[in-house]
Amino acid sequence: MTVRRAQLKDISKINDLLMQVCLVHRDGRPDLFKSGAKKYTDAELAEIILDDSRPVFVAADENDAVTGYAFCVFQQ
């Protein structure tokens, strides 16, 4: 497994993982979280990935398949 900066090619898999997190929240609080709701549009996610002040890292397996992510923010 490798940890690397997210790339635009990773957007689809990051979206899949974000949807899994959304489902966990929805199952716990269906009054607050809706099924199928996306946290970011693809354009917003692309903007975040390209922003060096908000780096996104992914964990990728030996086939470069994304298995996890971490959104970071630099604060001064």
C-alpha atoms as a PDB file:
ATOM      1  CA  MET A   1       0.000   0.000   0.000  1.00  0.00           C
ATOM      2  CA  THR A   2       1.171   3.499  -0.839  1.00  0.00           C
ATOM      3  CA  VAL A   3       0.022   6.896   0.328  1.00  0.00           C
ATOM      4  CA  ARG A   4       0.244   9.588  -2.344  1.00  0.00           C
ATOM      5  CA  ARG A   5      -1.305  12.908  -3.310  1.00  0.00           C
ATOM      6  CA  ALA A   6      -4.692  12.447  -4.913  1.00  0.00           C
ATOM      7  CA  GLN A   7      -4.893  12.976  -8.661  1.00  0.00           C
ATOM      8  CA  LEU A   8      -7.828  13.932 -10.847  1.00  0.00           C
ATOM      9  CA  LYS A   9      -8.060  10.304 -11.992  1.00  0.00           C
ATOM     10  CA  ASP A  10      -8.975   9.382  -8.391  1.00  0.00           C
ATOM     11  CA  ILE A  11     -12.173  11.471  -8.258  1.00  0.00           C
ATOM     12  CA  SER A  12     -14.493   8.581  -9.089  1.00  0.00           C
ATOM     13  CA  LYS A  13     -13.120   6.329  -6.353  1.00  0.00           C
ATOM     14  CA  ILE A  14     -12.985   9.147  -3.793  1.00  0.00           C
ATOM     15  CA  ASN A  15     -16.654   9.811  -4.591  1.00  0.00           C
ATOM     16  CA  ASP A  16     -17.424   6.119  -4.011  1.00  0.00           C
ATOM     17  CA  LEU A  17     -15.727   6.249  -0.618  1.00  0.00           C
ATOM     18  CA  LEU A  18     -17.455   9.519   0.305  1.00  0.00           C
ATOM     19  CA  MET A  19     -20.793   7.877  -0.496  1.00  0.00           C
ATOM     20  CA  GLN A  20     -19.952   4.990   1.847  1.00  0.00           C
ATOM     21  CA  VAL A  21     -19.305   7.496   4.645  1.00  0.00           C
ATOM     22  CA  CYS A  22     -22.585   9.249   3.818  1.00  0.00           C
ATOM     23  CA  LEU A  23     -24.449   5.949   4.161  1.00  0.00           C
ATOM     24  CA  VAL A  24     -22.954   5.352   7.608  1.00  0.00           C
ATOM     25  CA  HIS A  25     -24.106   8.811   8.699  1.00  0.00           C
ATOM     26  CA  ARG A  26     -27.526   8.310   7.111  1.00  0.00           C
ATOM     27  CA  ASP A  27     -28.005   5.003   8.893  1.00  0.00           C
ATOM     28  CA  GLY A  28     -27.227   6.702  12.210  1.00  0.00           C
ATOM     29  CA  ARG A  29     -29.164   9.921  11.603  1.00  0.00           C
ATOM     30  CA  PRO A  30     -31.642   9.528   8.732  1.00  0.00           C
ATOM     31  CA  ASP A  31     -33.311  12.748   9.866  1.00  0.00           C
ATOM     32  CA  LEU A  32     -30.142  14.713   9.003  1.00  0.00           C
ATOM     33  CA  PHE A  33     -28.478  12.776   6.178  1.00  0.00           C
ATOM     34  CA  LYS A  34     -30.113  11.864   2.875  1.00  0.00           C
ATOM     35  CA  SER A  35     -29.336   8.764   0.855  1.00  0.00           C
ATOM     36  CA  GLY A  36     -27.447   9.412  -2.377  1.00  0.00           C
ATOM     37  CA  ALA A  37     -26.401  12.957  -1.474  1.00  0.00           C
ATOM     38  CA  LYS A  38     -22.908  13.920  -2.638  1.00  0.00           C
ATOM     39  CA  LYS A  39     -20.693  16.021  -0.405  1.00  0.00           C
ATOM     40  CA  TYR A  40     -18.853  17.592  -3.369  1.00  0.00           C
ATOM     41  CA  THR A  41     -19.516  17.938  -7.068  1.00  0.00           C
ATOM     42  CA  ASP A  42     -16.787  16.552  -9.319  1.00  0.00           C
ATOM     43  CA  ALA A  43     -15.735  20.134 -10.104  1.00  0.00           C
ATOM     44  CA  GLU A  44     -15.449  20.995  -6.396  1.00  0.00           C
ATOM     45  CA  LEU A  45     -13.469  17.841  -5.725  1.00  0.00           C
ATOM     46  CA  ALA A  46     -11.123  18.622  -8.632  1.00  0.00           C
ATOM     47  CA  GLU A  47     -10.590  22.130  -7.245  1.00  0.00           C
ATOM     48  CA  ILE A  48      -9.739  20.730  -3.810  1.00  0.00           C
ATOM     49  CA  ILE A  49      -7.339  18.136  -5.242  1.00  0.00           C
ATOM     50  CA  LEU A  50      -5.457  20.835  -7.181  1.00  0.00           C
ATOM     51  CA  ASP A  51      -5.278  23.225  -4.195  1.00  0.00           C
ATOM     52  CA  ASP A  52      -1.914  22.910  -2.433  1.00  0.00           C
ATOM     53  CA  SER A  53      -3.329  24.528   0.707  1.00  0.00           C
ATOM     54  CA  ARG A  54      -5.914  21.704   1.000  1.00  0.00           C
ATOM     55  CA  PRO A  55      -4.016  18.576  -0.038  1.00  0.00           C
ATOM     56  CA  VAL A  56      -5.872  15.305  -0.400  1.00  0.00           C
ATOM     57  CA  PHE A  57      -3.968  12.072   0.082  1.00  0.00           C
ATOM     58  CA  VAL A  58      -5.094   8.613  -0.973  1.00  0.00           C
ATOM     59  CA  ALA A  59      -4.067   5.124   0.061  1.00  0.00           C
ATOM     60  CA  ALA A  60      -3.629   2.939  -3.010  1.00  0.00           C
ATOM     61  CA  ASP A  61      -2.987  -0.771  -3.299  1.00  0.00           C
ATOM     62  CA  GLU A  62      -0.382  -2.467  -5.500  1.00  0.00           C
ATOM     63  CA  ASN A  63      -2.664  -1.985  -8.533  1.00  0.00           C
ATOM     64  CA  ASP A  64      -3.041   1.743  -7.733  1.00  0.00           C
ATOM     65  CA  ALA A  65      -6.680   1.206  -6.716  1.00  0.00           C
ATOM     66  CA  VAL A  66      -7.703   3.827  -4.145  1.00  0.00           C
ATOM     67  CA  THR A  67      -8.769   2.291  -0.825  1.00  0.00           C
ATOM     68  CA  GLY A  68      -8.850   5.357   1.429  1.00  0.00           C
ATOM     69  CA  TYR A  69      -8.410   9.111   1.553  1.00  0.00           C
ATOM     70  CA  ALA A  70      -7.468  11.976   3.871  1.00  0.00           C
ATOM     71  CA  PHE A  71      -8.507  15.580   3.310  1.00  0.00           C
ATOM     72  CA  CYS A  72      -6.046  18.014   4.896  1.00  0.00           C
ATOM     73  CA  VAL A  73      -5.984  21.765   5.468  1.00  0.00           C
ATOM     74  CA  PHE A  74      -2.898  23.878   6.205  1.00  0.00           C
ATOM     75  CA  GLN A  75      -3.563  26.507   8.862  1.00  0.00           C
ATOM     76  CA  GLN A  76      -1.184  29.231   9.957  1.00  0.00           C
END
